[in-house]
Amino acid sequence: MLNVFTLANGRLFQEEIESAEELSQSLAHVRPVWVDLEAPSAEEKGWITGRFGLTIPDDVVDDDLEESARFYEEDNGELHIRSDFLIDAEDGPDGAPAHNVRVAFIMKDGVLFSVH
């Protein structure tokens, strides 16, 4: 699932995107500040590559968190950060136990991309 966030009158506006055409139409006149990808498919990653020129690595949220993999900057200026967030058991509707969610953040050309 893809969510695109833009600023409108100083407020964050969220739009769920379900196709490449919808992404193009949604961003025809505005620039997003944040694009959130939840369990993105290869097709959705392709939409991001086509629209923003960002290739999301397949291993972006892999389990290996060596120090060098947690934070790095690409030669093209992309900034990559990976972190784990604890989801409290009380936050879940199904009463699931607390668990970690790994999130990768990529900053490219003033747009924040998050992948989880």
Protein backbone atom coordinates (compact mmCIF):
# COMPACT_ATOMS: atom_id res chain seq x y z
CA MET A 1 0.00 0.00 0.00
CA LEU A 2 1.18 3.48 -0.89
CA ASN A 3 0.27 6.67 0.98
CA VAL A 4 1.35 10.07 -0.27
CA PHE A 5 1.42 13.07 2.04
CA THR A 6 1.40 16.65 0.82
CA LEU A 7 1.11 20.00 2.55
CA ALA A 8 -2.05 22.02 2.04
CA ASN A 9 -2.51 25.28 3.95
CA GLY A 10 0.17 24.21 6.42
CA ARG A 11 -1.52 20.87 7.15
CA LEU A 12 -0.50 17.35 6.17
CA PHE A 13 -2.88 15.79 3.64
CA GLN A 14 -2.86 12.00 3.10
CA GLU A 15 -3.93 10.21 -0.06
CA GLU A 16 -3.92 6.43 -0.56
CA ILE A 17 -2.62 5.48 -4.01
CA GLU A 18 -3.70 2.33 -5.81
CA SER A 19 -2.25 2.72 -9.33
CA ALA A 20 0.54 4.40 -11.26
CA GLU A 21 -2.03 6.59 -13.01
CA GLU A 22 -3.47 7.69 -9.68
CA LEU A 23 0.04 8.56 -8.49
CA SER A 24 0.67 10.69 -11.59
CA GLN A 25 -2.68 12.45 -11.32
CA SER A 26 -2.33 13.02 -7.59
CA LEU A 27 1.08 14.62 -7.94
CA ALA A 28 0.49 16.52 -11.18
CA HIS A 29 0.32 19.88 -9.40
CA VAL A 30 1.76 19.25 -5.93
CA ARG A 31 5.01 17.94 -4.55
CA PRO A 32 4.80 15.36 -1.77
CA VAL A 33 6.73 15.77 1.46
CA TRP A 34 6.40 12.11 2.45
CA VAL A 35 5.66 8.84 0.63
CA ASP A 36 4.89 5.87 2.88
CA LEU A 37 5.11 2.32 1.51
CA GLU A 38 3.63 -0.48 3.58
CA ALA A 39 4.76 -3.93 2.37
CA PRO A 40 5.24 -2.56 -1.16
CA SER A 41 4.90 -4.90 -4.13
CA ALA A 42 7.44 -4.89 -6.95
CA GLU A 43 4.87 -3.01 -9.02
CA GLU A 44 4.50 -0.28 -6.39
CA LYS A 45 8.28 0.04 -6.12
CA GLY A 46 8.28 0.48 -9.90
CA TRP A 47 5.80 3.35 -9.58
CA ILE A 48 8.21 5.07 -7.18
CA THR A 49 11.15 4.51 -9.51
CA GLY A 50 9.18 5.86 -12.47
CA ARG A 51 7.85 8.93 -10.67
CA PHE A 52 10.75 9.86 -8.38
CA GLY A 53 13.79 8.10 -9.85
CA LEU A 54 14.30 6.24 -6.57
CA THR A 55 15.10 2.55 -6.64
CA ILE A 56 14.09 0.93 -3.36
CA PRO A 57 16.51 -1.92 -2.57
CA ASP A 58 14.95 -5.37 -2.13
CA ASP A 59 16.75 -5.77 1.22
CA VAL A 60 15.66 -2.37 2.54
CA VAL A 61 14.06 -3.87 5.67
CA ASP A 62 16.04 -7.13 6.03
CA ASP A 63 16.92 -8.44 9.48
CA ASP A 64 20.65 -7.78 9.21
CA LEU A 65 21.29 -4.52 11.03
CA GLU A 66 25.04 -4.15 11.00
CA GLU A 67 26.14 -0.72 12.03
CA SER A 68 27.06 0.20 8.45
CA ALA A 69 23.56 -0.78 7.24
CA ARG A 70 21.66 1.41 9.71
CA PHE A 71 22.73 4.71 8.24
CA TYR A 72 24.49 5.57 5.01
CA GLU A 73 24.56 8.15 2.25
CA GLU A 74 24.64 7.21 -1.43
CA ASP A 75 26.92 8.98 -3.89
CA ASN A 76 23.83 10.63 -5.43
CA GLY A 77 22.91 12.25 -2.09
CA GLU A 78 20.20 9.83 -0.97
CA LEU A 79 20.21 9.44 2.79
CA HIS A 80 19.22 5.96 4.09
CA ILE A 81 18.30 5.22 7.73
CA ARG A 82 16.88 1.99 9.18
CA SER A 83 15.39 1.66 12.63
CA ASP A 84 13.17 -0.63 14.68
CA PHE A 85 10.05 0.60 16.43
CA LEU A 86 8.34 -1.26 19.26
CA ILE A 87 4.60 -1.64 18.76
CA ASP A 88 2.97 -1.96 22.16
CA ALA A 89 0.51 -4.82 22.63
CA GLU A 90 -2.14 -2.34 23.76
CA ASP A 91 -1.92 -0.50 20.43
CA GLY A 92 -3.11 -3.50 18.41
CA PRO A 93 -6.82 -4.20 17.92
CA ASP A 94 -6.36 -7.97 18.08
CA GLY A 95 -4.44 -8.06 21.37
CA ALA A 96 -1.25 -9.28 19.70
CA PRO A 97 1.88 -9.18 21.86
CA ALA A 98 4.33 -6.31 21.55
CA HIS A 99 6.59 -6.63 18.53
CA ASN A 100 9.20 -4.72 16.54
CA VAL A 101 8.55 -3.17 13.17
CA ARG A 102 11.56 -2.30 11.03
CA VAL A 103 11.23 0.91 9.06
CA ALA A 104 13.59 2.19 6.40
CA PHE A 105 13.69 5.91 5.68
CA ILE A 106 15.14 7.37 2.51
CA MET A 107 15.46 11.10 1.91
CA LYS A 108 15.76 12.00 -1.78
CA ASP A 109 15.34 15.43 -3.34
CA GLY A 110 13.50 16.79 -0.31
CA VAL A 111 10.96 13.93 -0.15
CA LEU A 112 10.93 11.46 2.73
CA PHE A 113 10.19 7.84 1.78
CA SER A 114 9.38 5.30 4.48
CA VAL A 115 9.19 1.54 3.87
CA HIS A 116 7.83 -0.94 6.40
